[in-house]
Protein backbone atom coordinates (compact mmCIF):
# COMPACT_ATOMS: atom_id res chain seq x y z
CA MET A 1 -104.71 -88.49 98.43
CA ALA A 2 -107.78 -90.13 99.93
CA SER A 3 -108.07 -89.60 103.66
CA ASN A 4 -110.34 -92.58 104.42
CA GLY A 5 -111.57 -90.62 107.42
CA TYR A 6 -108.26 -90.79 109.29
CA ALA A 7 -107.59 -88.34 112.11
CA HIS A 8 -104.21 -87.48 110.55
CA PRO A 9 -104.33 -88.45 106.87
CA GLU A 10 -101.11 -86.50 106.34
CA ALA A 11 -99.29 -89.30 108.19
CA LEU A 12 -99.66 -91.52 105.12
CA VAL A 13 -98.35 -91.07 101.60
CA GLU A 14 -99.48 -93.10 98.63
CA THR A 15 -97.15 -94.75 96.14
CA GLU A 16 -98.30 -92.48 93.31
CA TRP A 17 -97.41 -89.38 95.31
CA LEU A 18 -94.00 -90.68 96.32
CA ALA A 19 -93.17 -91.67 92.76
CA LYS A 20 -93.56 -88.01 91.80
CA HIS A 21 -91.43 -86.74 94.71
CA LEU A 22 -88.38 -89.00 94.64
CA ASP A 23 -86.11 -86.00 94.12
CA ASP A 24 -87.81 -83.72 96.64
CA PRO A 25 -85.00 -82.33 98.86
CA ALA A 26 -87.45 -81.80 101.73
CA ILE A 27 -88.00 -85.53 102.24
CA ARG A 28 -85.84 -88.50 103.09
CA ILE A 29 -87.10 -91.96 102.18
CA ILE A 30 -86.14 -94.58 104.76
CA GLU A 31 -86.39 -98.33 104.29
CA SER A 32 -86.49 -100.51 107.41
CA ASN A 33 -87.21 -104.23 107.19
CA GLU A 34 -87.37 -107.32 109.33
CA ASP A 35 -85.15 -108.93 106.71
CA ILE A 36 -82.14 -106.64 106.84
CA LEU A 37 -80.76 -108.08 103.56
CA LEU A 38 -83.74 -106.97 101.45
CA TYR A 39 -82.50 -103.42 100.98
CA ASP A 40 -79.42 -104.57 99.08
CA THR A 41 -81.53 -106.57 96.61
CA GLY A 42 -83.25 -103.36 95.50
CA HIS A 43 -84.87 -100.33 97.07
CA ILE A 44 -86.77 -97.18 96.18
CA PRO A 45 -84.36 -94.74 94.46
CA GLY A 46 -82.81 -92.41 97.01
CA ALA A 47 -83.93 -94.43 100.02
CA VAL A 48 -81.47 -94.83 102.88
CA HIS A 49 -81.40 -98.01 104.93
CA ILE A 50 -81.92 -98.04 108.69
CA ASP A 51 -81.21 -101.38 110.33
CA TRP A 52 -83.51 -101.61 113.34
CA ARG A 53 -80.96 -103.68 115.23
CA ALA A 54 -77.60 -102.17 114.27
CA ASP A 55 -78.78 -98.55 114.02
CA LEU A 56 -81.51 -98.16 116.64
CA GLN A 57 -80.61 -100.67 119.36
CA ASP A 58 -77.86 -100.25 121.93
CA PRO A 59 -75.20 -102.90 121.20
CA VAL A 60 -74.65 -103.79 124.86
CA ILE A 61 -77.86 -103.37 126.86
CA ARG A 62 -81.52 -104.05 126.05
CA ASP A 63 -82.38 -100.46 125.21
CA TYR A 64 -82.42 -97.95 122.40
CA ILE A 65 -79.48 -95.81 121.39
CA GLN A 66 -78.81 -92.56 123.20
CA PRO A 67 -79.57 -89.12 121.73
CA GLN A 68 -76.01 -88.55 120.52
CA LYS A 69 -76.08 -91.75 118.47
CA PHE A 70 -79.46 -90.79 117.03
CA ALA A 71 -78.09 -87.41 115.96
CA GLU A 72 -75.16 -89.11 114.24
CA LEU A 73 -77.49 -91.55 112.46
CA CYS A 74 -79.58 -88.68 111.12
CA SER A 75 -76.56 -86.60 110.17
CA LYS A 76 -74.99 -89.33 108.04
CA SER A 77 -78.39 -90.04 106.47
CA GLY A 78 -78.82 -86.43 105.34
CA ILE A 79 -81.65 -85.71 107.76
CA THR A 80 -82.32 -82.46 109.58
CA PRO A 81 -85.09 -81.72 112.12
CA GLU A 82 -87.04 -80.17 109.22
CA THR A 83 -86.72 -83.22 106.98
CA THR A 84 -89.92 -85.19 106.42
CA CYS A 85 -88.97 -88.83 106.87
CA ILE A 86 -91.07 -91.30 104.88
CA PHE A 87 -90.71 -94.84 106.18
CA TYR A 88 -91.49 -98.04 104.33
CA GLY A 89 -90.53 -101.69 104.51
CA ASP A 90 -91.53 -105.32 104.31
CA LYS A 91 -94.35 -107.14 106.09
CA SER A 92 -97.00 -104.42 105.71
CA ASN A 93 -94.68 -101.77 107.17
CA TRP A 94 -94.41 -103.61 110.46
CA TRP A 95 -90.74 -102.71 110.92
CA ALA A 96 -91.07 -99.35 109.22
CA CYS A 97 -93.55 -98.37 111.94
CA TYR A 98 -91.02 -99.55 114.52
CA ALA A 99 -88.38 -97.24 113.03
CA LEU A 100 -90.90 -94.39 112.89
CA TRP A 101 -91.75 -94.95 116.56
CA ALA A 102 -88.04 -94.80 117.41
CA PHE A 103 -87.70 -91.48 115.58
CA ARG A 104 -90.64 -90.14 117.60
CA LEU A 105 -88.88 -91.39 120.73
CA PHE A 106 -86.18 -88.81 119.97
CA GLY A 107 -88.66 -86.07 119.17
CA HIS A 108 -88.46 -86.08 115.37
CA GLU A 109 -91.92 -84.88 114.41
CA LYS A 110 -92.02 -84.99 110.61
CA VAL A 111 -92.69 -88.67 110.00
CA LYS A 112 -94.92 -90.52 107.54
CA ILE A 113 -95.56 -94.08 106.34
CA LEU A 114 -95.73 -95.19 102.72
CA ASN A 115 -99.13 -96.87 102.56
CA GLY A 116 -98.67 -100.47 101.47
CA GLY A 117 -94.93 -100.41 101.97
CA ARG A 118 -92.31 -102.22 99.95
CA ASP A 119 -94.58 -104.96 98.61
CA ARG A 120 -97.12 -102.55 97.18
CA TRP A 121 -94.39 -100.47 95.53
CA ILE A 122 -92.99 -103.59 93.86
CA ALA A 123 -96.45 -104.92 92.90
CA GLU A 124 -97.12 -101.68 91.05
CA ARG A 125 -93.83 -102.10 89.18
CA ARG A 126 -92.46 -98.81 90.37
CA PRO A 127 -88.72 -98.11 90.06
CA MET A 128 -86.20 -99.96 92.19
CA THR A 129 -82.43 -99.64 92.29
CA ARG A 130 -79.39 -101.17 93.90
CA ASP A 131 -77.47 -97.91 93.73
CA LEU A 132 -76.59 -96.63 97.17
CA PRO A 133 -77.61 -93.03 97.86
CA ARG A 134 -75.01 -90.53 98.97
CA PRO A 135 -76.94 -87.83 100.82
CA ALA A 136 -75.04 -84.73 101.83
CA ARG A 137 -74.12 -84.94 105.49
CA THR A 138 -76.07 -82.69 107.84
CA ASN A 139 -75.48 -81.54 111.39
CA TYR A 140 -78.48 -82.90 113.24
CA PRO A 141 -78.58 -81.40 116.77
CA VAL A 142 -78.39 -83.86 119.64
CA PRO A 143 -81.89 -84.19 121.14
CA ASP A 144 -82.03 -83.00 124.71
CA ARG A 145 -83.78 -86.21 125.79
CA ARG A 146 -85.68 -89.30 124.75
CA HIS A 147 -89.45 -89.05 125.00
CA ASP A 148 -89.78 -92.15 127.14
CA GLN A 149 -92.55 -90.72 129.31
CA GLU A 150 -94.70 -89.69 126.37
CA ILE A 151 -94.80 -92.81 124.18
CA ARG A 152 -93.09 -95.60 126.13
CA VAL A 153 -93.89 -97.56 129.28
CA PHE A 154 -92.10 -100.11 131.40
CA ALA A 155 -93.26 -103.17 133.33
CA GLU A 156 -94.37 -101.43 136.51
CA HIS A 157 -96.58 -98.99 134.63
CA ALA A 158 -98.11 -101.82 132.62
CA LEU A 159 -98.78 -103.65 135.89
CA GLN A 160 -100.61 -100.65 137.31
CA GLN A 161 -102.58 -100.35 134.07
CA SER A 162 -103.63 -103.97 134.45
CA LYS A 163 -104.60 -103.64 138.12
CA ALA A 164 -106.67 -100.53 137.39
CA GLY A 165 -108.54 -102.21 134.54
CA ARG A 166 -107.37 -99.64 132.00
CA PRO A 167 -106.88 -100.54 128.32
CA LEU A 168 -104.13 -102.93 127.33
CA VAL A 169 -103.93 -104.28 123.78
CA ASP A 170 -101.93 -107.45 123.06
CA VAL A 171 -101.08 -107.44 119.36
CA ARG A 172 -99.40 -110.85 119.20
CA SER A 173 -100.86 -113.90 117.48
CA PRO A 174 -103.89 -115.60 119.10
CA GLY A 175 -101.76 -118.60 120.03
CA GLU A 176 -99.27 -116.42 121.87
CA PHE A 177 -102.09 -114.55 123.61
CA ARG A 178 -103.78 -117.75 124.80
CA GLY A 179 -100.50 -119.17 126.04
CA GLU A 180 -100.54 -122.08 123.63
CA VAL A 181 -97.07 -121.13 122.41
CA THR A 182 -94.29 -119.35 124.28
CA HIS A 183 -92.59 -117.94 121.20
CA MET A 184 -93.46 -116.04 118.07
CA PRO A 185 -94.06 -118.63 115.32
CA GLU A 186 -91.57 -116.95 112.96
CA TYR A 187 -88.85 -117.06 115.63
CA PRO A 188 -88.88 -120.54 117.18
CA GLN A 189 -85.45 -119.96 118.67
CA GLU A 190 -86.73 -117.08 120.79
CA GLY A 191 -89.16 -117.65 123.61
CA VAL A 192 -90.20 -117.00 127.19
CA LEU A 193 -90.59 -119.16 130.25
CA ARG A 194 -94.32 -118.57 130.63
CA GLY A 195 -97.06 -118.29 128.05
CA GLY A 196 -100.17 -116.16 128.29
CA HIS A 197 -100.96 -112.47 128.43
CA ILE A 198 -101.15 -109.54 130.83
CA PRO A 199 -104.38 -109.80 132.86
CA GLY A 200 -107.15 -107.73 131.33
CA ALA A 201 -105.48 -107.27 127.95
CA LYS A 202 -107.55 -107.47 124.77
CA SER A 203 -106.27 -109.53 121.84
CA VAL A 204 -106.08 -107.64 118.55
CA PRO A 205 -103.31 -109.06 116.33
CA TRP A 206 -101.48 -106.19 114.64
CA LYS A 207 -102.16 -107.38 111.09
CA MET A 208 -105.91 -106.97 111.56
CA ALA A 209 -105.29 -103.26 110.88
CA VAL A 210 -104.20 -103.80 107.28
CA ASN A 211 -105.73 -105.08 104.06
CA ASP A 212 -104.36 -107.98 102.02
CA ASP A 213 -102.21 -105.57 99.98
CA GLY A 214 -100.61 -104.12 103.11
CA THR A 215 -102.51 -100.82 103.02
CA PHE A 216 -104.25 -99.67 106.16
CA LYS A 217 -107.94 -100.32 106.61
CA SER A 218 -110.34 -97.39 106.58
CA ALA A 219 -110.97 -95.31 109.68
CA GLY A 220 -114.42 -96.81 110.03
CA GLU A 221 -113.04 -100.34 110.07
CA LEU A 222 -110.32 -99.35 112.52
CA ARG A 223 -112.78 -97.63 114.83
CA GLN A 224 -114.92 -100.73 114.87
CA LEU A 225 -111.90 -102.89 115.61
CA TYR A 226 -110.35 -100.79 118.38
CA LEU A 227 -112.89 -98.31 119.74
CA GLN A 228 -115.98 -100.47 119.63
CA GLY A 229 -114.23 -103.83 119.92
CA CYS A 230 -111.81 -102.92 122.70
CA GLY A 231 -113.45 -99.91 124.32
CA LEU A 232 -110.53 -97.59 123.58
CA SER A 233 -111.24 -93.86 123.69
CA GLU A 234 -109.60 -90.46 123.79
CA GLU A 235 -110.25 -90.23 127.53
CA LYS A 236 -108.32 -93.39 128.43
CA GLU A 237 -104.62 -94.08 128.29
CA THR A 238 -103.92 -97.12 126.13
CA ILE A 239 -100.89 -99.40 126.35
CA VAL A 240 -100.02 -101.68 123.44
CA TYR A 241 -97.53 -104.52 123.64
CA CYS A 242 -96.20 -107.60 121.82
CA ARG A 243 -92.97 -109.56 122.18
CA ILE A 244 -90.29 -106.86 122.05
CA GLY A 245 -92.31 -103.81 120.99
CA GLU A 246 -91.99 -104.00 117.21
CA ARG A 247 -95.45 -105.32 116.27
CA SER A 248 -97.03 -103.04 118.84
CA SER A 249 -95.31 -100.04 117.20
CA HIS A 250 -97.48 -100.75 114.16
CA THR A 251 -100.62 -100.67 116.34
CA TRP A 252 -99.30 -97.57 118.11
CA PHE A 253 -99.09 -95.83 114.74
CA VAL A 254 -102.65 -96.85 113.86
CA LEU A 255 -104.10 -95.67 117.16
CA THR A 256 -102.05 -92.47 117.37
CA TYR A 257 -102.06 -91.22 113.78
CA LEU A 258 -104.96 -92.88 112.00
CA LEU A 259 -107.48 -92.84 114.86
CA GLY A 260 -106.02 -89.85 116.69
CA LEU A 261 -106.01 -91.24 120.22
CA PRO A 262 -103.97 -88.75 122.27
CA ASN A 263 -102.47 -91.02 124.92
CA VAL A 264 -101.11 -94.28 123.49
CA ARG A 265 -97.88 -95.76 124.74
CA ASN A 266 -95.82 -98.74 123.70
CA TYR A 267 -94.66 -101.25 126.29
CA ASP A 268 -91.52 -102.14 124.42
CA GLY A 269 -90.11 -104.50 127.06
CA SER A 270 -93.25 -106.41 126.35
CA TRP A 271 -93.90 -110.11 126.77
CA THR A 272 -90.23 -111.05 126.62
CA GLU A 273 -89.74 -109.21 129.90
CA TRP A 274 -93.14 -109.97 131.42
CA GLY A 275 -93.15 -113.70 130.68
CA ASN A 276 -89.66 -114.18 132.10
CA ARG A 277 -90.15 -112.04 135.18
CA VAL A 278 -91.02 -113.92 138.35
CA GLY A 279 -94.08 -112.57 140.12
CA MET A 280 -95.72 -110.89 137.14
CA PRO A 281 -99.34 -112.07 136.86
CA ILE A 282 -100.47 -113.79 133.69
CA GLU A 283 -103.71 -115.02 132.21
CA LYS A 284 -104.35 -117.84 129.77
CA SER A 285 -107.54 -118.02 127.78
């Protein structure tokens, strides 16, 4: 597999490699999409489906599931702590990266992304099936905690980051960043009271990190985009954010795994919380 100069090339697998390892008992293929109905229309043979809303989100409060629920999700999906989970999905792996980030939140370390995701697999006419997998149940141990402090931030920390002039990357669309719209274009029914962005944030829409076929751009292109363009570095903590933390999970993956920045955190409350919270400063430009 070509590394393209990535800091952690092992975090990506190519379609050709996966096609040869569909029956590998050491891996579990996981599909996670924005469109939760896509999986049932056809998926990679052996892939289990993780619904980012029903499986990873608490059904009552705006938060992620607790460790016990995560352990149950993994157990019924045939996953152990030693299983290498390979995530893929629609929209250039946008939601697959969100699911991967959630697995890292619970300390699962063996995670990878299928480069190009669902669309590339289909474009190459690789096998798809509607048969539901029946993985043998495992006994995944309940994680002792969520790694909130390591990869996640909340509003007050983002505010301090802004006041200190430290790196913040807004990965939403340019219109959202400038405050011209108060909602994500694909979700007109969902919006915030105030448009704009966190003061000092740089605008780098998440999709700038991928090519037209959904594969990730080379390390050189990514370094130019983020390190030279935004001034990010290994010495500085970086916070990424979007609307609810899903697009920024994609950028978090790029910065953490492909560029190897050691201290990147996702503000998953994001603009939905910030834009609706009285007293939080905003900029429009």
